[in-house]
Protein backbone atom coordinates (compact mmCIF):
# COMPACT_ATOMS: atom_id res chain seq x y z
CA UNK A 1 0.00 0.00 0.00
CA UNK A 2 1.28 3.45 -0.86
CA UNK A 3 -0.01 7.01 -1.04
CA UNK A 4 0.97 10.27 -2.70
CA UNK A 5 0.85 13.22 -0.29
CA UNK A 6 1.43 16.93 -0.66
CA UNK A 7 3.70 18.69 1.84
CA UNK A 8 5.50 21.99 1.48
CA UNK A 9 4.40 22.41 -2.14
CA UNK A 10 5.98 19.10 -3.12
CA UNK A 11 4.51 15.66 -3.75
CA UNK A 12 5.92 12.57 -2.03
CA UNK A 13 5.17 8.89 -2.60
CA UNK A 14 5.08 7.19 0.81
CA UNK A 15 4.42 3.74 2.23
CA UNK A 16 4.10 2.50 5.81
CA UNK A 17 7.37 2.26 7.74
CA UNK A 18 9.19 4.52 5.29
CA UNK A 19 11.32 7.44 6.46
CA UNK A 20 11.74 10.62 4.39
CA UNK A 21 12.72 14.27 4.58
CA UNK A 22 10.12 16.96 3.89
CA UNK A 23 10.06 20.74 4.15
CA UNK A 24 10.29 22.04 7.73
CA UNK A 25 7.17 21.36 9.83
CA UNK A 26 6.18 23.43 12.86
CA UNK A 27 5.53 20.44 15.14
CA UNK A 28 7.91 19.33 17.90
CA UNK A 29 10.22 16.33 17.63
CA UNK A 30 8.56 13.09 18.66
CA UNK A 31 5.04 14.35 17.97
CA UNK A 32 2.52 12.87 15.55
CA UNK A 33 1.79 14.69 12.29
CA UNK A 34 -1.23 14.07 10.05
CA UNK A 35 -1.24 14.79 6.33
CA UNK A 36 -4.77 15.24 4.98
CA UNK A 37 -3.71 16.42 1.52
CA UNK A 38 -3.62 12.93 0.01
CA UNK A 39 -3.62 12.95 -3.80
CA UNK A 40 -3.76 9.19 -4.37
CA UNK A 41 -3.98 5.91 -2.46
CA UNK A 42 -3.17 2.52 -3.94
CA UNK A 43 -3.81 -0.78 -2.18
CA UNK A 44 -2.72 -3.57 -4.49
CA UNK A 45 -5.08 -3.50 -7.48
CA UNK A 46 -7.43 -0.87 -6.01
CA UNK A 47 -6.57 2.81 -6.45
CA UNK A 48 -8.30 6.00 -5.36
CA UNK A 49 -7.38 9.21 -7.13
CA UNK A 50 -8.47 12.54 -5.68
CA UNK A 51 -9.90 15.58 -7.39
CA UNK A 52 -7.63 17.20 -6.17
CA UNK A 53 -7.56 15.31 -2.83
CA UNK A 54 -8.98 11.96 -1.75
CA UNK A 55 -11.86 12.50 0.68
CA UNK A 56 -11.46 11.17 4.25
CA UNK A 57 -7.92 9.98 3.50
CA UNK A 58 -5.18 10.56 6.06
CA UNK A 59 -1.51 9.71 6.42
CA UNK A 60 -0.14 9.65 9.97
CA UNK A 61 3.58 10.12 10.60
CA UNK A 62 5.92 10.63 13.53
CA UNK A 63 8.31 13.59 13.43
CA UNK A 64 11.74 12.09 14.08
CA UNK A 65 13.95 15.19 13.87
CA UNK A 66 14.46 18.64 12.39
CA UNK A 67 17.70 19.65 10.71
CA UNK A 68 19.47 21.38 7.85
CA UNK A 69 20.66 19.99 4.54
CA UNK A 70 24.24 20.40 3.34
CA UNK A 71 25.26 23.86 2.19
CA UNK A 72 25.00 24.67 -1.49
CA UNK A 73 27.12 27.36 -3.08
CA UNK A 74 25.52 29.94 -5.36
CA UNK A 75 27.90 31.78 -7.67
CA UNK A 76 26.90 34.67 -9.91
CA UNK A 77 29.20 36.24 -12.47
CA UNK A 78 28.96 38.65 -15.39
CA UNK A 79 31.89 38.37 -17.70
CA UNK A 80 34.05 41.41 -18.40
CA UNK A 81 32.10 43.46 -15.81
CA UNK A 82 34.13 42.66 -12.67
CA UNK A 83 30.98 41.26 -11.02
CA UNK A 84 31.22 38.14 -8.87
CA UNK A 85 28.99 37.11 -5.96
CA UNK A 86 29.17 33.94 -3.90
CA UNK A 87 26.77 32.96 -1.18
CA UNK A 88 25.56 29.76 0.42
CA UNK A 89 22.23 28.32 1.48
CA UNK A 90 21.19 25.55 3.89
CA UNK A 91 17.58 24.40 3.57
CA UNK A 92 15.71 23.33 6.71
CA UNK A 93 13.96 19.95 6.73
CA UNK A 94 11.95 17.63 8.96
CA UNK A 95 12.57 13.89 8.94
CA UNK A 96 9.37 11.89 9.35
CA UNK A 97 8.52 8.19 9.62
CA UNK A 98 5.21 7.06 8.12
CA UNK A 99 3.13 5.10 10.63
CA UNK A 100 -0.21 4.52 8.90
CA UNK A 101 -2.22 5.23 5.75
CA UNK A 102 -6.00 5.30 6.04
CA UNK A 103 -8.67 6.02 3.46
C-alpha atoms as a PDB file:
ATOM      1  CA  UNK A   1       0.000   0.000   0.000  1.00  0.00           C
ATOM      2  CA  UNK A   2       1.285   3.454  -0.860  1.00  0.00           C
ATOM      3  CA  UNK A   3      -0.005   7.012  -1.037  1.00  0.00           C
ATOM      4  CA  UNK A   4       0.967  10.266  -2.703  1.00  0.00           C
ATOM      5  CA  UNK A   5       0.853  13.215  -0.294  1.00  0.00           C
ATOM      6  CA  UNK A   6       1.435  16.934  -0.658  1.00  0.00           C
ATOM      7  CA  UNK A   7       3.697  18.688   1.836  1.00  0.00           C
ATOM      8  CA  UNK A   8       5.501  21.987   1.478  1.00  0.00           C
ATOM      9  CA  UNK A   9       4.399  22.412  -2.143  1.00  0.00           C
ATOM     10  CA  UNK A  10       5.981  19.098  -3.124  1.00  0.00           C
ATOM     11  CA  UNK A  11       4.512  15.664  -3.750  1.00  0.00           C
ATOM     12  CA  UNK A  12       5.921  12.575  -2.030  1.00  0.00           C
ATOM     13  CA  UNK A  13       5.174   8.889  -2.596  1.00  0.00           C
ATOM     14  CA  UNK A  14       5.075   7.194   0.807  1.00  0.00           C
ATOM     15  CA  UNK A  15       4.424   3.745   2.228  1.00  0.00           C
ATOM     16  CA  UNK A  16       4.095   2.499   5.807  1.00  0.00           C
ATOM     17  CA  UNK A  17       7.367   2.260   7.741  1.00  0.00           C
ATOM     18  CA  UNK A  18       9.186   4.522   5.289  1.00  0.00           C
ATOM     19  CA  UNK A  19      11.324   7.438   6.465  1.00  0.00           C
ATOM     20  CA  UNK A  20      11.742  10.618   4.390  1.00  0.00           C
ATOM     21  CA  UNK A  21      12.724  14.271   4.582  1.00  0.00           C
ATOM     22  CA  UNK A  22      10.116  16.961   3.889  1.00  0.00           C
ATOM     23  CA  UNK A  23      10.061  20.737   4.149  1.00  0.00           C
ATOM     24  CA  UNK A  24      10.288  22.041   7.732  1.00  0.00           C
ATOM     25  CA  UNK A  25       7.172  21.356   9.833  1.00  0.00           C
ATOM     26  CA  UNK A  26       6.180  23.430  12.861  1.00  0.00           C
ATOM     27  CA  UNK A  27       5.527  20.436  15.144  1.00  0.00           C
ATOM     28  CA  UNK A  28       7.911  19.332  17.899  1.00  0.00           C
ATOM     29  CA  UNK A  29      10.215  16.332  17.629  1.00  0.00           C
ATOM     30  CA  UNK A  30       8.558  13.087  18.663  1.00  0.00           C
ATOM     31  CA  UNK A  31       5.040  14.345  17.974  1.00  0.00           C
ATOM     32  CA  UNK A  32       2.521  12.872  15.550  1.00  0.00           C
ATOM     33  CA  UNK A  33       1.793  14.694  12.293  1.00  0.00           C
ATOM     34  CA  UNK A  34      -1.229  14.075  10.050  1.00  0.00           C
ATOM     35  CA  UNK A  35      -1.240  14.794   6.325  1.00  0.00           C
ATOM     36  CA  UNK A  36      -4.771  15.237   4.978  1.00  0.00           C
ATOM     37  CA  UNK A  37      -3.706  16.420   1.517  1.00  0.00           C
ATOM     38  CA  UNK A  38      -3.625  12.927   0.013  1.00  0.00           C
ATOM     39  CA  UNK A  39      -3.616  12.949  -3.800  1.00  0.00           C
ATOM     40  CA  UNK A  40      -3.759   9.188  -4.374  1.00  0.00           C
ATOM     41  CA  UNK A  41      -3.982   5.914  -2.458  1.00  0.00           C
ATOM     42  CA  UNK A  42      -3.170   2.524  -3.945  1.00  0.00           C
ATOM     43  CA  UNK A  43      -3.811  -0.777  -2.179  1.00  0.00           C
ATOM     44  CA  UNK A  44      -2.716  -3.568  -4.494  1.00  0.00           C
ATOM     45  CA  UNK A  45      -5.083  -3.495  -7.476  1.00  0.00           C
ATOM     46  CA  UNK A  46      -7.430  -0.873  -6.014  1.00  0.00           C
ATOM     47  CA  UNK A  47      -6.573   2.809  -6.447  1.00  0.00           C
ATOM     48  CA  UNK A  48      -8.301   6.002  -5.360  1.00  0.00           C
ATOM     49  CA  UNK A  49      -7.381   9.214  -7.128  1.00  0.00           C
ATOM     50  CA  UNK A  50      -8.466  12.541  -5.677  1.00  0.00           C
ATOM     51  CA  UNK A  51      -9.898  15.579  -7.389  1.00  0.00           C
ATOM     52  CA  UNK A  52      -7.628  17.204  -6.166  1.00  0.00           C
ATOM     53  CA  UNK A  53      -7.558  15.312  -2.832  1.00  0.00           C
ATOM     54  CA  UNK A  54      -8.976  11.959  -1.753  1.00  0.00           C
ATOM     55  CA  UNK A  55     -11.860  12.498   0.684  1.00  0.00           C
ATOM     56  CA  UNK A  56     -11.464  11.172   4.249  1.00  0.00           C
ATOM     57  CA  UNK A  57      -7.919   9.984   3.504  1.00  0.00           C
ATOM     58  CA  UNK A  58      -5.183  10.561   6.056  1.00  0.00           C
ATOM     59  CA  UNK A  59      -1.508   9.708   6.417  1.00  0.00           C
ATOM     60  CA  UNK A  60      -0.142   9.648   9.968  1.00  0.00           C
ATOM     61  CA  UNK A  61       3.576  10.117  10.599  1.00  0.00           C
ATOM     62  CA  UNK A  62       5.921  10.634  13.529  1.00  0.00           C
ATOM     63  CA  UNK A  63       8.314  13.593  13.427  1.00  0.00           C
ATOM     64  CA  UNK A  64      11.742  12.095  14.080  1.00  0.00           C
ATOM     65  CA  UNK A  65      13.954  15.187  13.873  1.00  0.00           C
ATOM     66  CA  UNK A  66      14.458  18.641  12.390  1.00  0.00           C
ATOM     67  CA  UNK A  67      17.699  19.648  10.709  1.00  0.00           C
ATOM     68  CA  UNK A  68      19.467  21.377   7.851  1.00  0.00           C
ATOM     69  CA  UNK A  69      20.662  19.988   4.540  1.00  0.00           C
ATOM     70  CA  UNK A  70      24.243  20.395   3.342  1.00  0.00           C
ATOM     71  CA  UNK A  71      25.261  23.860   2.187  1.00  0.00           C
ATOM     72  CA  UNK A  72      25.003  24.667  -1.490  1.00  0.00           C
ATOM     73  CA  UNK A  73      27.124  27.365  -3.078  1.00  0.00           C
ATOM     74  CA  UNK A  74      25.516  29.937  -5.361  1.00  0.00           C
ATOM     75  CA  UNK A  75      27.901  31.780  -7.670  1.00  0.00           C
ATOM     76  CA  UNK A  76      26.904  34.673  -9.912  1.00  0.00           C
ATOM     77  CA  UNK A  77      29.205  36.236 -12.473  1.00  0.00           C
ATOM     78  CA  UNK A  78      28.960  38.648 -15.389  1.00  0.00           C
ATOM     79  CA  UNK A  79      31.894  38.372 -17.701  1.00  0.00           C
ATOM     80  CA  UNK A  80      34.048  41.412 -18.397  1.00  0.00           C
ATOM     81  CA  UNK A  81      32.095  43.460 -15.810  1.00  0.00           C
ATOM     82  CA  UNK A  82      34.126  42.665 -12.666  1.00  0.00           C
ATOM     83  CA  UNK A  83      30.982  41.256 -11.024  1.00  0.00           C
ATOM     84  CA  UNK A  84      31.225  38.136  -8.869  1.00  0.00           C
ATOM     85  CA  UNK A  85      28.993  37.114  -5.962  1.00  0.00           C
ATOM     86  CA  UNK A  86      29.167  33.937  -3.898  1.00  0.00           C
ATOM     87  CA  UNK A  87      26.766  32.958  -1.185  1.00  0.00           C
ATOM     88  CA  UNK A  88      25.561  29.759   0.421  1.00  0.00           C
ATOM     89  CA  UNK A  89      22.228  28.319   1.480  1.00  0.00           C
ATOM     90  CA  UNK A  90      21.190  25.549   3.887  1.00  0.00           C
ATOM     91  CA  UNK A  91      17.585  24.397   3.574  1.00  0.00           C
ATOM     92  CA  UNK A  92      15.713  23.326   6.709  1.00  0.00           C
ATOM     93  CA  UNK A  93      13.963  19.946   6.727  1.00  0.00           C
ATOM     94  CA  UNK A  94      11.952  17.631   8.960  1.00  0.00           C
ATOM     95  CA  UNK A  95      12.570  13.893   8.939  1.00  0.00           C
ATOM     96  CA  UNK A  96       9.374  11.886   9.352  1.00  0.00           C
ATOM     97  CA  UNK A  97       8.522   8.190   9.618  1.00  0.00           C
ATOM     98  CA  UNK A  98       5.211   7.060   8.116  1.00  0.00           C
ATOM     99  CA  UNK A  99       3.127   5.102  10.626  1.00  0.00           C
ATOM    100  CA  UNK A 100      -0.212   4.516   8.898  1.00  0.00           C
ATOM    101  CA  UNK A 101      -2.222   5.227   5.752  1.00  0.00           C
ATOM    102  CA  UNK A 102      -6.003   5.298   6.043  1.00  0.00           C
ATOM    103  CA  UNK A 103      -8.672   6.015   3.462  1.00  0.00           C
END
